[in-house]
């Protein structure tokens, strides 16, 4: 006979965090759909064997995350269009000559306003995983272009793109100014079109920079994508680290 399992030893988080985690998962899955009410406080107290204060604390976390709206004493509903599905294949190809950055175009196709703010352009020593992808040594530099992408004026994604010096130096990529169509369009025009892209996606605790830039409401994980873009002859032309709030966004890949 198997030994009894002590549930408290398995998940040591405070009860209100565990309640919020379960409700968050049901919101993400669609069990509690947009504009519909979640169970009442009394129902949640019974379900989780929790006090009124604990349930309210859990709901407070979800309200701070922008997942639900409502006040004590009235129904609490799931906010509309909070969890969004992003499809990288739709905005990864270079924009056509003269067109705007494809990421902004795809946002407009969804009825949203997409913007990008260029935060920094500099020659830097990249992190180790970026150096490995670029094939450079620990003391070599690359050109960094850092930007924040916004949807409806809310931060969506912190993007750090790194480019080999021999491709970027003395080009607009190394200048702190926006590039019409984005760097993929510029690289394609220069004879380096994207041929193969490899994404590695992981869930990570946010760094201080990610926490502040994405305006995260609590210590939630972020979705980190490390993207390596190859051109002809398998040459790496760009390595990008992208960070999104995991409670607001999911990624879709079709095979």
Protein backbone atom coordinates (compact mmCIF):
# COMPACT_ATOMS: atom_id res chain seq x y z
CA UNK A 1 0.00 0.00 0.00
CA UNK A 2 1.37 3.41 -0.98
CA UNK A 3 2.16 5.83 1.86
CA UNK A 4 -0.23 8.71 2.41
CA UNK A 5 0.67 11.89 0.55
CA UNK A 6 0.89 15.10 2.52
CA UNK A 7 -0.55 17.64 0.07
CA UNK A 8 0.96 20.57 1.97
CA UNK A 9 4.46 19.16 1.51
CA UNK A 10 3.93 18.89 -2.26
CA UNK A 11 2.88 22.49 -2.83
CA UNK A 12 4.24 24.74 -0.06
CA UNK A 13 2.82 27.95 -1.54
CA UNK A 14 0.33 29.95 0.55
CA UNK A 15 -3.25 28.84 -0.03
CA UNK A 16 -4.28 32.06 -1.80
CA UNK A 17 -1.49 31.57 -4.36
CA UNK A 18 -2.61 27.98 -4.98
CA UNK A 19 -6.22 29.11 -5.43
CA UNK A 20 -5.12 31.81 -7.87
CA UNK A 21 -3.01 29.28 -9.79
CA UNK A 22 -5.96 26.90 -10.24
CA UNK A 23 -8.34 29.67 -11.29
CA UNK A 24 -5.72 31.13 -13.63
CA UNK A 25 -5.37 27.77 -15.35
CA UNK A 26 -9.14 27.51 -15.84
CA UNK A 27 -9.24 31.01 -17.32
CA UNK A 28 -6.41 30.16 -19.71
CA UNK A 29 -8.08 26.92 -20.81
CA UNK A 30 -11.41 28.63 -21.44
CA UNK A 31 -13.31 26.84 -18.67
CA UNK A 32 -14.15 30.36 -17.50
CA UNK A 33 -14.72 32.22 -20.74
CA UNK A 34 -14.41 35.96 -21.36
CA UNK A 35 -17.28 38.06 -19.95
CA UNK A 36 -18.57 35.16 -17.84
CA UNK A 37 -18.63 35.04 -14.06
CA UNK A 38 -16.31 32.84 -12.07
CA UNK A 39 -17.74 30.94 -9.07
CA UNK A 40 -18.94 33.03 -6.16
CA UNK A 41 -16.86 33.61 -3.06
CA UNK A 42 -19.01 31.13 -1.14
CA UNK A 43 -18.49 28.48 -3.81
CA UNK A 44 -14.74 29.09 -3.82
CA UNK A 45 -14.59 28.94 -0.03
CA UNK A 46 -16.25 25.52 -0.16
CA UNK A 47 -14.20 24.22 -3.06
CA UNK A 48 -10.84 25.20 -1.55
CA UNK A 49 -11.79 24.93 2.13
CA UNK A 50 -10.62 28.50 2.56
CA UNK A 51 -11.65 31.56 4.52
CA UNK A 52 -13.29 34.58 2.93
CA UNK A 53 -10.08 36.61 3.39
CA UNK A 54 -7.99 33.95 1.63
CA UNK A 55 -10.36 33.78 -1.34
CA UNK A 56 -10.38 37.58 -1.64
CA UNK A 57 -6.59 37.62 -1.55
CA UNK A 58 -6.49 35.08 -4.39
CA UNK A 59 -8.96 37.09 -6.45
CA UNK A 60 -6.87 40.19 -5.78
CA UNK A 61 -3.89 38.54 -7.47
CA UNK A 62 -5.94 37.77 -10.57
CA UNK A 63 -7.35 41.31 -10.66
CA UNK A 64 -3.83 42.76 -10.48
CA UNK A 65 -2.88 40.53 -13.40
CA UNK A 66 -5.80 41.93 -15.39
CA UNK A 67 -7.51 38.56 -15.77
CA UNK A 68 -10.74 39.34 -13.88
CA UNK A 69 -12.82 42.37 -12.94
CA UNK A 70 -15.43 42.96 -10.27
CA UNK A 71 -15.94 43.96 -6.66
CA UNK A 72 -16.75 42.02 -3.49
CA UNK A 73 -20.51 41.50 -3.24
CA UNK A 74 -21.00 41.42 -7.02
CA UNK A 75 -20.13 38.88 -9.68
CA UNK A 76 -16.50 38.72 -10.72
CA UNK A 77 -16.02 38.22 -14.45
CA UNK A 78 -13.20 37.20 -16.75
CA UNK A 79 -11.88 40.14 -18.73
CA UNK A 80 -12.28 40.03 -22.48
CA UNK A 81 -9.25 39.39 -24.72
CA UNK A 82 -6.65 39.16 -22.01
CA UNK A 83 -4.96 35.89 -23.02
CA UNK A 84 -3.67 36.32 -26.56
CA UNK A 85 -2.24 33.77 -28.94
CA UNK A 86 0.82 34.93 -30.88
CA UNK A 87 1.77 33.08 -34.07
CA UNK A 88 5.46 33.75 -34.87
CA UNK A 89 5.18 32.39 -38.43
CA UNK A 90 2.86 35.29 -39.31
CA UNK A 91 5.30 38.07 -38.46
CA UNK A 92 8.72 36.44 -38.86
CA UNK A 93 9.12 36.84 -42.67
CA UNK A 94 10.60 40.14 -43.89
CA UNK A 95 8.16 42.90 -44.80
CA UNK A 96 7.75 43.74 -48.47
CA UNK A 97 9.78 46.74 -49.69
CA UNK A 98 8.26 49.95 -48.32
CA UNK A 99 5.91 48.14 -45.93
CA UNK A 100 5.92 48.67 -42.17
CA UNK A 101 7.29 46.20 -39.64
CA UNK A 102 5.29 43.00 -40.09
CA UNK A 103 4.65 42.64 -36.35
CA UNK A 104 2.76 45.96 -36.43
CA UNK A 105 0.81 44.88 -39.52
CA UNK A 106 -0.28 41.64 -37.84
CA UNK A 107 -1.41 43.59 -34.77
CA UNK A 108 -3.57 45.79 -37.00
CA UNK A 109 -5.01 42.69 -38.66
CA UNK A 110 -6.21 41.63 -35.19
CA UNK A 111 -7.82 45.03 -34.63
CA UNK A 112 -5.07 46.24 -32.29
CA UNK A 113 -2.59 49.09 -32.33
CA UNK A 114 0.98 47.85 -32.51
CA UNK A 115 3.98 50.03 -31.75
CA UNK A 116 7.69 49.58 -31.19
CA UNK A 117 9.98 51.73 -29.06
CA UNK A 118 13.69 51.47 -29.71
CA UNK A 119 15.44 51.52 -26.34
CA UNK A 120 19.10 50.93 -27.14
CA UNK A 121 21.56 50.24 -29.96
CA UNK A 122 25.12 49.34 -28.98
CA UNK A 123 28.06 47.03 -29.52
CA UNK A 124 28.04 44.61 -26.60
CA UNK A 125 29.36 41.26 -25.47
CA UNK A 126 26.24 39.09 -25.72
CA UNK A 127 25.15 36.44 -23.19
CA UNK A 128 26.81 33.04 -23.53
CA UNK A 129 23.93 31.32 -25.34
CA UNK A 130 23.76 34.15 -27.88
CA UNK A 131 27.55 34.02 -28.40
CA UNK A 132 27.34 30.29 -28.99
CA UNK A 133 24.62 30.74 -31.61
CA UNK A 134 26.56 33.54 -33.33
CA UNK A 135 29.76 31.51 -33.21
CA UNK A 136 31.81 34.19 -31.44
CA UNK A 137 34.19 34.02 -28.50
CA UNK A 138 33.69 35.32 -24.97
CA UNK A 139 35.48 38.61 -25.68
CA UNK A 140 33.89 39.35 -29.06
CA UNK A 141 31.04 41.80 -29.52
CA UNK A 142 27.86 41.99 -31.58
CA UNK A 143 25.41 44.76 -32.36
CA UNK A 144 22.45 44.84 -29.98
CA UNK A 145 19.12 46.41 -30.88
CA UNK A 146 16.78 46.47 -27.85
CA UNK A 147 13.14 47.45 -28.14
CA UNK A 148 9.81 47.13 -26.39
CA UNK A 149 6.78 46.10 -28.44
CA UNK A 150 3.40 47.46 -27.35
CA UNK A 151 -0.16 46.40 -28.07
CA UNK A 152 -2.80 49.06 -27.48
CA UNK A 153 -0.12 51.06 -25.64
CA UNK A 154 0.53 48.25 -23.15
CA UNK A 155 3.96 46.53 -23.06
CA UNK A 156 3.80 43.17 -24.78
CA UNK A 157 7.33 42.02 -25.46
CA UNK A 158 10.90 42.97 -24.57
CA UNK A 159 13.10 42.18 -27.56
CA UNK A 160 16.90 42.02 -27.68
CA UNK A 161 18.29 41.26 -31.14
CA UNK A 162 21.98 40.62 -31.76
CA UNK A 163 23.72 40.86 -35.15
CA UNK A 164 27.21 39.85 -36.31
CA UNK A 165 29.52 42.85 -36.53
CA UNK A 166 30.50 42.11 -40.12
CA UNK A 167 26.84 42.41 -41.16
CA UNK A 168 25.71 45.28 -38.95
CA UNK A 169 28.62 47.68 -38.56
CA UNK A 170 28.37 50.80 -40.75
CA UNK A 171 24.76 50.00 -41.63
CA UNK A 172 21.44 51.35 -40.26
CA UNK A 173 21.33 48.27 -37.99
CA UNK A 174 24.08 49.85 -35.87
CA UNK A 175 22.36 53.23 -35.72
CA UNK A 176 19.84 54.22 -33.06
CA UNK A 177 16.95 54.83 -35.38
CA UNK A 178 13.95 52.85 -36.51
CA UNK A 179 14.22 50.83 -39.70
CA UNK A 180 11.26 50.79 -42.07
CA UNK A 181 10.07 47.18 -42.26
CA UNK A 182 12.45 46.12 -39.48
CA UNK A 183 15.91 44.58 -39.69
CA UNK A 184 14.70 41.38 -41.46
CA UNK A 185 13.71 43.50 -44.46
CA UNK A 186 17.06 45.31 -44.41
CA UNK A 187 19.02 42.05 -44.21
CA UNK A 188 16.98 40.53 -47.04
CA UNK A 189 17.69 43.56 -49.21
CA UNK A 190 21.40 43.14 -48.44
CA UNK A 191 21.32 39.55 -49.70
CA UNK A 192 20.73 37.75 -46.41
CA UNK A 193 17.10 36.57 -46.45
CA UNK A 194 15.91 34.28 -43.64
CA UNK A 195 15.99 30.66 -44.76
CA UNK A 196 15.62 28.76 -41.49
CA UNK A 197 14.55 29.87 -38.02
CA UNK A 198 14.98 27.90 -34.79
CA UNK A 199 13.04 28.89 -31.66
CA UNK A 200 13.78 27.66 -28.15
CA UNK A 201 10.96 28.56 -25.76
CA UNK A 202 11.20 28.30 -21.99
CA UNK A 203 9.43 29.62 -18.91
CA UNK A 204 11.65 31.69 -16.62
CA UNK A 205 11.34 33.94 -13.61
CA UNK A 206 11.59 37.52 -14.87
CA UNK A 207 14.79 39.48 -14.49
CA UNK A 208 14.55 42.92 -12.91
CA UNK A 209 14.63 44.53 -16.35
CA UNK A 210 11.88 42.27 -17.69
CA UNK A 211 9.76 42.75 -14.57
CA UNK A 212 9.92 46.53 -14.80
CA UNK A 213 9.67 46.88 -18.59
CA UNK A 214 6.74 44.48 -18.96
CA UNK A 215 5.07 45.94 -15.84
CA UNK A 216 4.46 42.52 -14.35
CA UNK A 217 2.01 42.56 -11.43
CA UNK A 218 3.74 39.82 -9.43
CA UNK A 219 6.47 37.21 -9.53
CA UNK A 220 4.97 35.36 -12.51
CA UNK A 221 7.10 33.52 -15.08
CA UNK A 222 7.81 35.03 -18.46
CA UNK A 223 7.93 33.19 -21.76
CA UNK A 224 11.49 33.46 -23.10
CA UNK A 225 12.10 32.70 -26.76
CA UNK A 226 15.64 32.42 -28.04
CA UNK A 227 15.40 32.71 -31.83
CA UNK A 228 18.27 31.92 -34.18
CA UNK A 229 17.79 33.03 -37.78
CA UNK A 230 19.85 31.39 -40.51
CA UNK A 231 20.33 32.69 -44.04
CA UNK A 232 21.87 31.03 -47.10
CA UNK A 233 24.61 28.45 -46.44
CA UNK A 234 23.24 28.21 -42.89
CA UNK A 235 24.83 31.51 -41.91
CA UNK A 236 23.46 32.94 -38.64
CA UNK A 237 22.34 36.52 -39.27
CA UNK A 238 20.34 37.28 -36.13
CA UNK A 239 19.87 35.93 -32.61
CA UNK A 240 16.97 37.37 -30.63
CA UNK A 241 15.80 37.00 -27.05
CA UNK A 242 12.09 37.78 -26.60
CA UNK A 243 10.28 37.98 -23.27
CA UNK A 244 6.50 38.01 -22.84
CA UNK A 245 4.24 37.86 -19.77
CA UNK A 246 3.19 34.22 -19.47
CA UNK A 247 -0.23 35.02 -17.97
CA UNK A 248 -1.21 37.18 -20.96
CA UNK A 249 0.35 35.46 -23.97
CA UNK A 250 0.81 32.03 -25.47
CA UNK A 251 2.69 30.94 -28.60
CA UNK A 252 1.25 28.90 -31.44
CA UNK A 253 3.36 26.82 -33.82
CA UNK A 254 1.86 24.85 -36.73
CA UNK A 255 3.70 21.77 -38.03
